[in-house]
């Protein structure tokens, strides 16, 4: 059996009085305004994300680099990178591994961190 249709049964809805119509219109305006503000917020967030993605510049061509750095006679360079104005070089000397921090402009050794297994 199909579901019964109750639309034609029962009393008709009474029209709203003028005060209720004003409240209903005010609520519709508030809903529209808050929806527009939320939509503008979403647009602003996505615009900021796209701006950050497109404005990222990792081109180190403008930085002056030294021609050579001294990492040690028996050191094997595993990795080198540039971060926060320092050149970071990961090396292996025999059985130990160390992280060397250099000034990229003059090649001066700023620090050394040895990794020791225990």
N, C-alpha and C. Protein backbone atom coordinates (compact mmCIF):
# COMPACT_ATOMS: atom_id res chain seq x y z
N UNK A 1 0.85 -1.17 0.00
CA UNK A 1 0.00 0.00 0.00
C UNK A 1 0.90 1.24 0.00
N UNK A 2 0.50 2.24 -0.75
CA UNK A 2 1.30 3.46 -0.83
C UNK A 2 1.08 4.31 0.43
N UNK A 3 1.96 5.29 0.60
CA UNK A 3 1.84 6.15 1.77
C UNK A 3 0.67 7.11 1.59
N UNK A 4 -0.06 7.36 2.65
CA UNK A 4 -1.23 8.23 2.53
C UNK A 4 -0.81 9.68 2.28
N UNK A 5 -1.66 10.42 1.64
CA UNK A 5 -1.43 11.84 1.33
C UNK A 5 -2.31 12.68 2.25
N UNK A 6 -1.70 13.40 3.17
CA UNK A 6 -2.44 14.18 4.15
C UNK A 6 -2.54 15.65 3.77
N UNK A 7 -2.10 16.02 2.60
CA UNK A 7 -2.09 17.44 2.24
C UNK A 7 -3.49 18.03 2.13
N UNK A 8 -4.41 17.25 1.66
CA UNK A 8 -5.75 17.80 1.47
C UNK A 8 -6.60 17.71 2.73
N UNK A 9 -6.14 16.97 3.72
CA UNK A 9 -6.92 16.82 4.93
C UNK A 9 -6.50 17.84 5.98
N UNK A 10 -7.35 18.16 6.87
CA UNK A 10 -7.02 19.04 7.97
C UNK A 10 -7.23 20.50 7.60
N UNK A 11 -7.11 21.37 8.58
CA UNK A 11 -7.35 22.79 8.35
C UNK A 11 -6.21 23.41 7.54
N UNK A 12 -6.54 24.37 6.75
CA UNK A 12 -5.54 25.12 5.98
C UNK A 12 -4.72 25.97 6.93
N UNK A 13 -3.48 26.26 6.53
CA UNK A 13 -2.65 27.13 7.37
C UNK A 13 -3.21 28.54 7.30
N UNK A 14 -3.29 29.14 8.45
CA UNK A 14 -3.79 30.50 8.50
C UNK A 14 -2.69 31.45 8.04
N UNK A 15 -3.03 32.52 7.35
CA UNK A 15 -2.01 33.49 6.93
C UNK A 15 -1.39 34.15 8.17
N UNK A 16 -0.13 34.53 8.02
CA UNK A 16 0.57 35.15 9.15
C UNK A 16 0.08 36.56 9.37
N UNK A 17 0.09 36.98 10.60
CA UNK A 17 -0.26 38.35 10.90
C UNK A 17 0.92 39.26 10.51
N UNK A 18 0.73 40.56 10.40
CA UNK A 18 1.79 41.47 9.93
C UNK A 18 3.05 41.44 10.82
N UNK A 19 2.90 41.27 12.11
CA UNK A 19 4.08 41.24 13.00
C UNK A 19 4.92 39.99 12.71
N UNK A 20 4.27 38.85 12.51
CA UNK A 20 5.00 37.62 12.21
C UNK A 20 5.66 37.70 10.84
N UNK A 21 5.00 38.38 9.88
CA UNK A 21 5.60 38.55 8.56
C UNK A 21 6.85 39.43 8.63
N UNK A 22 6.83 40.46 9.48
CA UNK A 22 8.02 41.31 9.65
C UNK A 22 9.17 40.52 10.26
N UNK A 23 8.85 39.69 11.25
CA UNK A 23 9.89 38.86 11.88
C UNK A 23 10.46 37.87 10.87
N UNK A 24 9.57 37.28 10.06
CA UNK A 24 10.03 36.33 9.05
C UNK A 24 10.92 37.03 8.01
N UNK A 25 10.56 38.21 7.59
CA UNK A 25 11.38 38.96 6.62
C UNK A 25 12.73 39.33 7.23
N UNK A 26 12.71 39.72 8.50
CA UNK A 26 13.97 40.08 9.17
C UNK A 26 14.89 38.87 9.28
N UNK A 27 14.34 37.71 9.61
CA UNK A 27 15.14 36.49 9.70
C UNK A 27 15.72 36.09 8.34
N UNK A 28 14.95 36.29 7.28
CA UNK A 28 15.45 36.00 5.93
C UNK A 28 16.63 36.92 5.59
N UNK A 29 16.53 38.20 5.94
CA UNK A 29 17.62 39.15 5.68
C UNK A 29 18.86 38.77 6.49
N UNK A 30 18.67 38.39 7.76
CA UNK A 30 19.80 37.97 8.59
C UNK A 30 20.47 36.72 8.03
N UNK A 31 19.67 35.78 7.56
CA UNK A 31 20.21 34.56 6.97
C UNK A 31 21.00 34.88 5.71
N UNK A 32 20.47 35.76 4.87
CA UNK A 32 21.18 36.15 3.65
C UNK A 32 22.50 36.85 3.99
N UNK A 33 22.45 37.76 4.95
CA UNK A 33 23.67 38.49 5.34
C UNK A 33 24.74 37.58 5.91
N UNK A 34 24.35 36.67 6.79
CA UNK A 34 25.35 35.77 7.39
C UNK A 34 25.89 34.79 6.35
N UNK A 35 25.05 34.39 5.40
CA UNK A 35 25.52 33.50 4.33
C UNK A 35 26.54 34.22 3.45
N UNK A 36 26.28 35.47 3.12
CA UNK A 36 27.23 36.24 2.31
C UNK A 36 28.55 36.45 3.04
N UNK A 37 28.49 36.70 4.34
CA UNK A 37 29.72 36.88 5.12
C UNK A 37 30.52 35.58 5.16
N UNK A 38 29.85 34.45 5.34
CA UNK A 38 30.55 33.17 5.36
C UNK A 38 31.16 32.86 3.99
N UNK A 39 30.43 33.15 2.92
CA UNK A 39 30.95 32.93 1.57
C UNK A 39 32.18 33.81 1.33
N UNK A 40 32.13 35.07 1.76
CA UNK A 40 33.29 35.97 1.61
C UNK A 40 34.48 35.45 2.43
N UNK A 41 34.22 34.89 3.60
CA UNK A 41 35.30 34.31 4.41
C UNK A 41 35.96 33.13 3.71
N UNK A 42 35.16 32.25 3.11
CA UNK A 42 35.73 31.13 2.37
C UNK A 42 36.59 31.62 1.20
N UNK A 43 36.10 32.62 0.48
CA UNK A 43 36.85 33.18 -0.64
C UNK A 43 38.18 33.76 -0.14
N UNK A 44 38.16 34.46 0.99
CA UNK A 44 39.38 35.05 1.53
C UNK A 44 40.39 33.98 1.95
N UNK A 45 39.91 32.92 2.56
CA UNK A 45 40.81 31.83 2.98
C UNK A 45 41.45 31.17 1.77
N UNK A 46 40.65 30.85 0.76
CA UNK A 46 41.20 30.20 -0.43
C UNK A 46 42.13 31.14 -1.19
N UNK A 47 41.82 32.43 -1.21
CA UNK A 47 42.71 33.39 -1.86
C UNK A 47 44.05 33.47 -1.13
N UNK A 48 44.03 33.43 0.21
CA UNK A 48 45.28 33.46 0.97
C UNK A 48 46.10 32.20 0.73
N UNK A 49 45.44 31.06 0.65
CA UNK A 49 46.16 29.80 0.38
C UNK A 49 46.79 29.84 -1.00
N UNK A 50 46.05 30.27 -2.01
CA UNK A 50 46.60 30.36 -3.36
C UNK A 50 47.73 31.37 -3.43
N UNK A 51 47.62 32.48 -2.72
CA UNK A 51 48.69 33.48 -2.71
C UNK A 51 49.97 32.88 -2.11
N UNK A 52 49.85 32.17 -1.00
CA UNK A 52 51.03 31.57 -0.37
C UNK A 52 51.66 30.53 -1.27
N UNK A 53 50.85 29.73 -1.95
CA UNK A 53 51.38 28.70 -2.84
C UNK A 53 52.12 29.34 -4.01
N UNK A 54 51.55 30.38 -4.58
CA UNK A 54 52.14 30.98 -5.78
C UNK A 54 53.26 31.96 -5.49
N UNK A 55 53.40 32.44 -4.27
CA UNK A 55 54.44 33.42 -3.95
C UNK A 55 55.68 32.79 -3.33
N UNK A 56 55.72 31.47 -3.23
CA UNK A 56 56.87 30.78 -2.65
C UNK A 56 58.05 30.86 -3.61
N UNK A 57 59.18 31.37 -3.13
CA UNK A 57 60.37 31.47 -3.97
C UNK A 57 61.52 30.79 -3.24
N UNK A 58 61.98 29.68 -3.80
CA UNK A 58 63.11 28.96 -3.22
C UNK A 58 64.31 29.03 -4.14
N UNK A 59 64.44 30.12 -4.89
CA UNK A 59 65.54 30.27 -5.83
C UNK A 59 66.73 30.89 -5.11
N UNK A 60 67.78 30.13 -4.85
CA UNK A 60 68.94 30.68 -4.16
C UNK A 60 69.92 31.36 -5.10
N UNK A 61 69.51 31.72 -6.31
CA UNK A 61 70.45 32.30 -7.27
C UNK A 61 70.94 33.68 -6.84
N UNK A 62 70.19 34.39 -6.01
CA UNK A 62 70.61 35.71 -5.56
C UNK A 62 71.57 35.67 -4.39
N UNK A 63 71.85 34.51 -3.82
CA UNK A 63 72.72 34.39 -2.66
C UNK A 63 74.14 34.12 -3.13
N UNK A 64 75.08 34.82 -2.56
CA UNK A 64 76.49 34.61 -2.92
C UNK A 64 77.02 33.39 -2.18
N UNK A 65 77.60 32.44 -2.93
CA UNK A 65 78.16 31.23 -2.35
C UNK A 65 79.68 31.25 -2.48
N UNK A 66 80.33 30.65 -1.50
CA UNK A 66 81.77 30.48 -1.59
C UNK A 66 82.09 29.40 -2.61
N UNK A 67 83.32 29.42 -3.12
CA UNK A 67 83.69 28.43 -4.13
C UNK A 67 83.93 27.05 -3.53
N UNK A 68 84.44 26.99 -2.30
CA UNK A 68 84.71 25.69 -1.69
C UNK A 68 84.56 25.78 -0.18
N UNK A 69 84.27 24.64 0.42
CA UNK A 69 84.19 24.53 1.87
C UNK A 69 85.02 23.31 2.28
N UNK A 70 85.60 23.38 3.46
CA UNK A 70 86.44 22.30 3.96
C UNK A 70 85.60 21.41 4.87
N UNK A 71 85.33 20.17 4.42
CA UNK A 71 84.53 19.24 5.22
C UNK A 71 85.40 18.17 5.87
N UNK A 72 86.64 18.09 5.53
CA UNK A 72 87.53 17.09 6.11
C UNK A 72 88.11 16.19 5.02
N UNK A 73 89.28 15.60 5.29
CA UNK A 73 89.96 14.82 4.26
C UNK A 73 89.25 13.51 3.90
N UNK A 74 88.68 12.81 4.87
CA UNK A 74 88.05 11.52 4.58
C UNK A 74 86.52 11.57 4.73
N UNK A 75 85.94 12.76 4.55
CA UNK A 75 84.49 12.94 4.72
C UNK A 75 83.78 12.69 3.39
N UNK A 76 82.67 12.01 3.49
CA UNK A 76 81.81 11.77 2.34
C UNK A 76 80.55 12.61 2.53
N UNK A 77 80.27 13.50 1.58
CA UNK A 77 79.10 14.38 1.67
C UNK A 77 77.86 13.57 1.29
N UNK A 78 76.91 13.49 2.23
CA UNK A 78 75.67 12.75 1.99
C UNK A 78 74.57 13.66 1.46
N UNK A 79 74.52 14.89 1.98
CA UNK A 79 73.46 15.81 1.59
C UNK A 79 73.89 17.22 1.92
N UNK A 80 73.45 18.18 1.10
CA UNK A 80 73.70 19.59 1.36
C UNK A 80 72.43 20.37 1.05
N UNK A 81 72.14 21.36 1.89
CA UNK A 81 70.94 22.18 1.69
C UNK A 81 71.18 23.57 2.26
N UNK A 82 70.31 24.49 1.89
CA UNK A 82 70.39 25.87 2.37
C UNK A 82 69.15 26.15 3.20
N UNK A 83 69.35 26.56 4.46
CA UNK A 83 68.21 26.85 5.34
C UNK A 83 68.57 27.97 6.29
N UNK A 84 67.69 28.96 6.38
CA UNK A 84 67.85 30.09 7.30
C UNK A 84 69.19 30.79 7.14
N UNK A 85 69.65 30.97 5.93
CA UNK A 85 70.90 31.67 5.68
C UNK A 85 72.14 30.87 6.01
N UNK A 86 72.00 29.58 6.22
CA UNK A 86 73.14 28.70 6.50
C UNK A 86 73.14 27.57 5.49
N UNK A 87 74.34 27.11 5.17
CA UNK A 87 74.48 25.93 4.34
C UNK A 87 74.68 24.75 5.28
N UNK A 88 73.79 23.77 5.20
CA UNK A 88 73.86 22.59 6.05
C UNK A 88 74.38 21.43 5.22
N UNK A 89 75.42 20.78 5.71
CA UNK A 89 76.05 19.68 4.98
C UNK A 89 76.08 18.47 5.91
N UNK A 90 75.50 17.37 5.45
CA UNK A 90 75.51 16.12 6.19
C UNK A 90 76.64 15.27 5.64
N UNK A 91 77.57 14.88 6.53
CA UNK A 91 78.74 14.12 6.08
C UNK A 91 78.87 12.83 6.86
N UNK A 92 79.64 11.90 6.29
CA UNK A 92 79.98 10.65 6.98
C UNK A 92 81.51 10.56 6.99
N UNK A 93 82.06 10.41 8.18
CA UNK A 93 83.50 10.24 8.35
C UNK A 93 83.73 8.88 9.01
N UNK A 94 84.09 7.91 8.21
CA UNK A 94 84.26 6.55 8.74
C UNK A 94 82.92 5.99 9.17
N UNK A 95 82.76 5.78 10.48
CA UNK A 95 81.51 5.23 10.99
C UNK A 95 80.62 6.28 11.65
N UNK A 96 81.07 7.52 11.73
CA UNK A 96 80.26 8.58 12.36
C UNK A 96 79.64 9.48 11.30
N UNK A 97 78.52 10.05 11.66
CA UNK A 97 77.81 10.99 10.79
C UNK A 97 77.74 12.32 11.53
N UNK A 98 77.91 13.43 10.78
CA UNK A 98 77.90 14.75 11.40
C UNK A 98 77.17 15.74 10.50
N UNK A 99 76.64 16.76 11.12
CA UNK A 99 75.99 17.86 10.42
C UNK A 99 76.86 19.10 10.59
N UNK A 100 77.33 19.65 9.47
CA UNK A 100 78.17 20.84 9.49
C UNK A 100 77.35 22.03 9.03
N UNK A 101 77.50 23.17 9.74
CA UNK A 101 76.82 24.41 9.38
C UNK A 101 77.86 25.41 8.91
N UNK A 102 77.67 25.90 7.68
CA UNK A 102 78.60 26.84 7.08
C UNK A 102 77.90 28.14 6.75
N UNK A 103 78.69 29.25 6.77
CA UNK A 103 78.22 30.52 6.22
C UNK A 103 78.39 30.43 4.71
N UNK A 104 77.30 30.53 3.93
CA UNK A 104 77.43 30.31 2.49
C UNK A 104 78.24 31.39 1.77
N UNK A 105 78.36 32.58 2.34
CA UNK A 105 79.07 33.66 1.66
C UNK A 105 80.59 33.46 1.70
N UNK A 106 81.13 33.01 2.86
CA UNK A 106 82.59 32.90 2.97
C UNK A 106 83.08 31.48 3.25
N UNK A 107 82.20 30.54 3.46
CA UNK A 107 82.60 29.15 3.69
C UNK A 107 83.11 28.86 5.09
N UNK A 108 82.90 29.78 6.02
CA UNK A 108 83.38 29.60 7.40
C UNK A 108 82.49 28.58 8.12
N UNK A 109 83.12 27.66 8.84
CA UNK A 109 82.39 26.65 9.61
C UNK A 109 81.79 27.31 10.84
N UNK A 110 80.46 27.27 10.95
CA UNK A 110 79.76 27.89 12.07
C UNK A 110 79.52 26.91 13.21
N UNK A 111 79.41 25.64 12.90
CA UNK A 111 79.16 24.66 13.95
C UNK A 111 79.16 23.26 13.40
N UNK A 112 79.27 22.31 14.31
CA UNK A 112 79.30 20.90 13.93
C UNK A 112 78.50 20.12 14.97
N UNK A 113 77.64 19.23 14.50
CA UNK A 113 76.85 18.36 15.35
C UNK A 113 77.14 16.93 14.94
N UNK A 114 77.66 16.15 15.87
CA UNK A 114 77.97 14.74 15.59
C UNK A 114 76.79 13.89 16.05
N UNK A 115 76.45 12.89 15.25
CA UNK A 115 75.41 11.94 15.59
C UNK A 115 76.07 10.68 16.11
N UNK A 116 75.78 10.33 17.36
CA UNK A 116 76.42 9.20 18.02
C UNK A 116 75.34 8.18 18.36
N UNK A 117 75.57 6.94 17.91
CA UNK A 117 74.64 5.86 18.26
C UNK A 117 75.01 5.27 19.61
N UNK A 118 74.03 5.01 20.45
CA UNK A 118 74.32 4.44 21.77
C UNK A 118 73.65 3.13 21.92
